[in-house]
Protein backbone atom coordinates (compact mmCIF):
# COMPACT_ATOMS: atom_id res chain seq x y z
CA MET A 1 -149.17 -47.10 -163.87
CA LYS A 2 -152.52 -45.69 -165.03
CA GLU A 3 -154.04 -46.76 -161.72
CA LYS A 4 -151.32 -44.91 -159.71
CA ILE A 5 -151.65 -41.68 -161.76
CA TYR A 6 -155.47 -41.66 -161.38
CA GLN A 7 -155.42 -42.36 -157.67
CA SER A 8 -152.80 -39.65 -157.07
CA LEU A 9 -154.91 -37.01 -159.00
CA ILE A 10 -158.13 -38.07 -157.11
CA GLU A 11 -156.27 -37.77 -153.66
CA LEU A 12 -155.27 -34.35 -154.49
CA THR A 13 -158.76 -33.12 -155.21
CA ASN A 14 -160.71 -35.18 -152.69
CA GLY A 15 -160.46 -33.12 -149.50
CA LYS A 16 -162.38 -31.32 -147.02
CA TYR A 17 -162.21 -27.97 -148.76
CA SER A 18 -162.81 -29.16 -152.36
CA SER A 19 -165.83 -31.13 -151.13
CA LEU A 20 -167.18 -28.08 -149.33
CA VAL A 21 -166.57 -25.85 -152.57
CA LEU A 22 -168.42 -28.45 -154.62
CA LYS A 23 -171.41 -28.60 -152.21
CA ARG A 24 -171.76 -24.79 -152.00
CA LEU A 25 -171.67 -24.67 -155.84
CA VAL A 26 -174.54 -27.11 -156.47
CA THR A 27 -176.65 -25.76 -153.63
CA SER A 28 -176.10 -22.03 -154.46
CA PRO A 29 -179.06 -20.14 -155.96
CA PHE A 30 -176.86 -19.28 -158.92
CA SER A 31 -176.63 -22.88 -159.85
CA LYS A 32 -180.44 -22.75 -160.81
CA ASN A 33 -179.31 -21.20 -163.98
CA PHE A 34 -177.74 -24.44 -165.08
CA ILE A 35 -180.80 -26.66 -164.53
CA GLN A 36 -182.22 -26.34 -168.09
CA ARG A 37 -178.92 -27.11 -169.60
CA TYR A 38 -178.32 -29.91 -167.39
CA SER A 39 -181.54 -31.56 -168.26
CA LYS A 40 -180.80 -31.24 -171.96
CA VAL A 41 -177.18 -32.54 -171.75
CA TYR A 42 -178.42 -35.70 -169.98
CA GLU A 43 -181.53 -35.86 -171.94
CA ILE A 44 -183.84 -36.18 -168.85
CA ASP A 45 -187.42 -36.72 -169.52
CA LEU A 46 -189.00 -33.83 -167.87
CA SER A 47 -192.53 -35.06 -168.50
CA GLU A 48 -191.85 -37.44 -165.58
CA VAL A 49 -190.73 -34.77 -163.06
CA SER A 50 -193.23 -33.86 -160.35
CA ARG A 51 -192.42 -30.10 -160.47
CA ASP A 52 -191.93 -27.38 -162.88
CA LEU A 53 -188.33 -26.61 -163.66
CA LYS A 54 -188.75 -22.97 -162.43
CA SER A 55 -189.66 -24.23 -158.95
CA PHE A 56 -186.36 -25.84 -158.18
CA SER A 57 -184.18 -23.64 -155.95
CA ASN A 58 -180.63 -25.01 -157.06
CA LEU A 59 -179.04 -27.69 -159.10
CA GLN A 60 -179.02 -30.20 -156.30
CA ASP A 61 -182.65 -29.59 -155.67
CA PHE A 62 -183.23 -30.64 -159.21
CA PHE A 63 -180.81 -33.60 -158.99
CA THR A 64 -182.78 -35.20 -156.01
CA ARG A 65 -186.04 -34.45 -157.85
CA GLN A 66 -189.19 -36.65 -157.27
CA LEU A 67 -191.23 -38.12 -160.01
CA LYS A 68 -194.96 -37.90 -160.74
CA GLU A 69 -197.07 -40.67 -159.21
CA GLY A 70 -197.22 -43.70 -161.56
CA ALA A 71 -194.01 -42.79 -163.46
CA ARG A 72 -192.32 -45.85 -162.15
CA PRO A 73 -194.77 -48.92 -162.15
CA ILE A 74 -194.09 -51.37 -159.44
CA ASN A 75 -194.08 -55.12 -159.99
CA TRP A 76 -196.27 -56.23 -157.11
CA HIS A 77 -195.64 -60.04 -157.48
CA LYS A 78 -194.92 -61.24 -153.85
CA GLN A 79 -192.00 -63.35 -155.05
CA THR A 80 -190.09 -60.54 -156.84
CA PHE A 81 -187.37 -58.12 -155.78
CA ILE A 82 -187.57 -54.88 -157.68
CA SER A 83 -184.83 -52.54 -158.63
CA PRO A 84 -184.52 -50.03 -155.92
CA VAL A 85 -183.20 -47.28 -158.25
CA ASP A 86 -182.89 -46.22 -161.86
CA ALA A 87 -179.52 -47.31 -162.92
CA LYS A 88 -177.13 -49.36 -165.14
CA VAL A 89 -176.40 -52.99 -164.09
CA GLU A 90 -172.71 -52.74 -163.56
CA ALA A 91 -172.12 -56.27 -162.41
CA PHE A 92 -174.08 -59.18 -161.06
CA GLY A 93 -173.53 -62.90 -160.43
CA ALA A 94 -172.56 -65.55 -157.74
CA ILE A 95 -170.51 -64.63 -154.83
CA GLN A 96 -167.52 -67.04 -154.57
CA HIS A 97 -166.98 -69.46 -151.75
CA ASN A 98 -164.29 -67.36 -150.33
CA ALA A 99 -166.69 -64.34 -150.07
CA VAL A 100 -165.40 -62.49 -153.06
CA PHE A 101 -167.39 -60.83 -155.95
CA THR A 102 -165.86 -58.99 -158.87
CA VAL A 103 -166.48 -55.59 -160.46
CA LYS A 104 -164.45 -54.26 -163.30
CA ASN A 105 -161.92 -57.15 -162.88
CA LYS A 106 -161.39 -55.99 -159.20
CA PRO A 107 -162.18 -58.48 -156.55
CA TYR A 108 -163.99 -57.24 -153.46
CA THR A 109 -164.53 -59.14 -150.30
CA LEU A 110 -167.77 -59.16 -148.26
CA GLN A 111 -165.78 -58.49 -145.22
CA ASP A 112 -164.45 -55.15 -146.61
CA LEU A 113 -167.82 -54.18 -147.93
CA LEU A 114 -169.78 -55.10 -144.74
CA GLY A 115 -167.23 -54.62 -142.16
CA LYS A 116 -168.42 -57.51 -140.04
CA ASP A 117 -167.50 -61.01 -140.41
CA GLN A 118 -170.69 -62.47 -138.99
CA ILE A 119 -172.70 -60.50 -141.49
CA ALA A 120 -170.59 -61.29 -144.37
CA GLU A 121 -170.82 -65.04 -143.49
CA LYS A 122 -174.49 -64.90 -144.41
CA TYR A 123 -173.86 -64.02 -147.97
CA LYS A 124 -171.13 -66.43 -148.75
CA ASN A 125 -172.11 -68.48 -151.98
CA GLY A 126 -174.98 -66.13 -152.33
CA HIS A 127 -175.53 -63.61 -155.15
CA TYR A 128 -174.82 -59.89 -155.81
CA ILE A 129 -175.82 -57.14 -158.10
CA VAL A 130 -174.13 -53.60 -158.54
CA PHE A 131 -176.29 -50.75 -159.82
CA TYR A 132 -174.37 -47.53 -161.17
CA LEU A 133 -176.38 -44.31 -161.06
CA SER A 134 -175.21 -41.75 -163.59
CA PRO A 135 -175.90 -37.99 -163.26
CA ALA A 136 -178.84 -38.51 -165.73
CA ASN A 137 -180.65 -40.78 -163.36
CA TYR A 138 -183.47 -40.39 -160.97
CA HIS A 139 -181.68 -40.50 -157.60
CA ARG A 140 -184.28 -41.52 -155.16
CA ILE A 141 -183.92 -45.04 -153.46
CA HIS A 142 -186.83 -47.22 -152.88
CA SER A 143 -187.42 -50.54 -151.06
CA PRO A 144 -186.81 -53.55 -153.37
CA LEU A 145 -189.33 -55.65 -151.20
CA ASP A 146 -191.46 -55.85 -148.08
CA GLY A 147 -189.06 -56.36 -145.07
CA THR A 148 -188.03 -55.55 -141.64
CA VAL A 149 -184.85 -53.64 -140.89
CA VAL A 150 -182.55 -56.00 -138.89
CA ARG A 151 -179.79 -53.45 -138.78
CA GLN A 152 -178.64 -50.24 -140.33
CA TYR A 153 -175.08 -48.77 -140.02
CA VAL A 154 -172.35 -46.56 -141.77
CA LEU A 155 -168.84 -47.46 -142.73
CA GLY A 156 -166.05 -45.38 -144.37
CA ARG A 157 -165.25 -41.73 -144.45
CA LYS A 158 -164.33 -40.28 -147.89
CA SER A 159 -166.00 -40.96 -151.14
CA TYR A 160 -164.22 -41.56 -154.34
CA PRO A 161 -165.59 -41.70 -157.87
CA VAL A 162 -167.78 -44.73 -158.77
CA ASN A 163 -168.05 -43.97 -162.47
CA GLN A 164 -166.17 -46.15 -165.12
CA LEU A 165 -162.77 -44.67 -164.37
CA GLY A 166 -163.26 -44.96 -160.63
CA LEU A 167 -164.19 -48.50 -160.76
CA ALA A 168 -161.47 -49.47 -163.08
CA TYR A 169 -158.49 -47.46 -161.53
CA GLY A 170 -159.73 -46.51 -158.13
CA LYS A 171 -158.79 -48.10 -154.80
CA LYS A 172 -161.78 -50.33 -154.67
CA PRO A 173 -164.33 -47.55 -154.15
CA ILE A 174 -167.31 -49.80 -153.60
CA SER A 175 -165.90 -51.27 -150.30
CA HIS A 176 -163.96 -48.17 -149.14
CA ASN A 177 -166.14 -45.30 -149.83
CA TYR A 178 -168.55 -43.91 -147.20
CA ARG A 179 -171.50 -46.26 -147.35
CA MET A 180 -174.64 -47.07 -145.34
CA ILE A 181 -175.65 -50.70 -144.98
CA SER A 182 -179.25 -51.77 -144.51
CA GLU A 183 -179.92 -55.41 -143.81
CA LEU A 184 -183.44 -56.62 -143.91
CA GLN A 185 -185.39 -59.89 -143.09
CA TYR A 186 -188.24 -61.02 -145.30
CA GLN A 187 -190.22 -64.27 -145.99
CA ASN A 188 -189.01 -67.45 -144.24
CA ASN A 189 -186.52 -65.45 -142.09
CA LYS A 190 -184.15 -64.87 -144.90
CA ASN A 191 -182.09 -61.78 -145.16
CA PHE A 192 -180.86 -59.37 -148.00
CA ALA A 193 -178.60 -56.42 -147.74
CA LEU A 194 -178.90 -53.17 -149.48
CA VAL A 195 -175.60 -51.09 -149.64
CA LYS A 196 -175.74 -47.42 -150.53
CA VAL A 197 -172.33 -46.18 -151.70
CA GLY A 198 -171.42 -42.51 -151.38
CA ALA A 199 -170.28 -40.62 -154.48
CA MET A 200 -167.13 -38.48 -155.27
CA PHE A 201 -166.11 -36.03 -152.63
CA VAL A 202 -169.51 -35.76 -150.76
CA ASN A 203 -170.98 -38.22 -148.39
CA SER A 204 -174.33 -37.82 -149.95
CA ILE A 205 -176.75 -40.43 -148.72
CA GLN A 206 -179.96 -39.06 -147.07
CA LEU A 207 -182.48 -41.28 -145.39
CA THR A 208 -186.21 -40.33 -145.68
CA ASN A 209 -187.55 -43.55 -144.02
CA ILE A 210 -186.17 -44.24 -140.49
CA SER A 211 -188.70 -46.74 -139.57
CA LYS A 212 -188.13 -50.48 -139.04
CA THR A 213 -190.48 -51.61 -141.68
CA TRP A 214 -189.90 -51.14 -145.45
CA LYS A 215 -192.77 -51.62 -148.00
CA LYS A 216 -191.98 -52.58 -151.59
CA GLY A 217 -191.74 -49.41 -153.77
CA GLN A 218 -191.60 -47.07 -150.79
CA GLU A 219 -188.95 -44.29 -150.95
CA ILE A 220 -186.42 -44.81 -148.26
CA GLY A 221 -183.74 -42.21 -149.23
CA TYR A 222 -181.97 -40.50 -151.95
CA PHE A 223 -178.32 -39.60 -153.06
CA SER A 224 -177.39 -36.00 -153.48
CA PHE A 225 -174.81 -36.87 -156.04
CA GLY A 226 -174.40 -39.86 -158.47
CA SER A 227 -173.69 -43.16 -156.78
CA THR A 228 -173.75 -46.87 -156.67
CA VAL A 229 -176.07 -49.35 -154.88
CA VAL A 230 -175.10 -53.01 -154.08
CA MET A 231 -177.56 -55.74 -153.25
CA LEU A 232 -176.58 -59.02 -151.53
CA PHE A 233 -178.69 -62.19 -151.43
CA GLU A 234 -178.22 -65.31 -149.26
CA GLU A 235 -177.13 -68.81 -150.99
CA ASN A 236 -180.22 -70.47 -152.70
CA SER A 237 -182.65 -67.53 -152.24
CA ILE A 238 -182.99 -65.92 -155.75
CA HIS A 239 -182.36 -66.19 -159.36
CA PHE A 240 -182.07 -63.08 -161.43
CA THR A 241 -184.60 -62.13 -164.02
CA GLU A 242 -183.84 -61.97 -167.85
CA ASN A 243 -183.50 -58.15 -167.88
CA VAL A 244 -180.46 -58.31 -165.54
CA GLN A 245 -177.64 -58.23 -168.01
CA LYS A 246 -174.41 -56.35 -167.68
CA GLY A 247 -174.74 -52.81 -169.07
CA ASN A 248 -178.69 -52.94 -169.14
CA ALA A 249 -180.51 -50.07 -167.89
CA VAL A 250 -183.18 -50.84 -165.19
CA LYS A 251 -185.74 -48.61 -163.63
CA MET A 252 -186.99 -48.44 -160.24
CA GLY A 253 -189.97 -50.88 -159.76
CA GLU A 254 -188.96 -53.39 -162.49
CA PRO A 255 -188.23 -56.93 -161.29
CA ILE A 256 -184.51 -57.94 -160.90
CA ALA A 257 -184.82 -61.24 -158.99
CA ILE A 258 -187.24 -63.83 -158.06
CA MET A 259 -187.26 -65.79 -154.76
CA ILE A 260 -186.58 -69.55 -154.91
């Protein structure tokens, strides 16, 4: 019953015009007046931010802020995958033999998430990790490893909430939201997938690196609003590091997995 009520309310507000209103609000010059309060409410460490608060033109400009060089140390060990974002570990573990993984007690299939059976097949019996970015987080996305982009494509149209309520009561937002899938090849011809999931109302994924080569730690894009990132690994390719625990906060550049 709670799920149906929640989903009905979201459908009422998740439309073309409500999305447009939200976008206009956060990109308006007037929204600049809320930046100081926003940073205090979410306890954002302003000493890391690359620019003075007064230089931001609107709230979204601040939301997509860049950090000072060195604010996120990178683990350069060749065998490690680093976290691509600042986030909370929402879920992680082994992908089941029937290509299913679970988030908030909801089963997700690789076929739904990736949209293509032949790609989904690669990650059966592999591993997954889900990162949730809150409004307080740094929202730039970075490459978790050196790799070559094999394919990059977009699925989905609308974007529903991916916060705690959205994951618990929504219609499987991770695999149904607007999302951008990047699949990369790295050492020994192995692949990993990085799925960037759009946030509520606005399809908010912006690429800043359109090349075929990604370097570990390099910025590849950003979210205009809070969102989620899913990483998929092939069978017998990695094991997670000790800091990967459900509910743990991780920062971009920290190790999350080690190659086997």
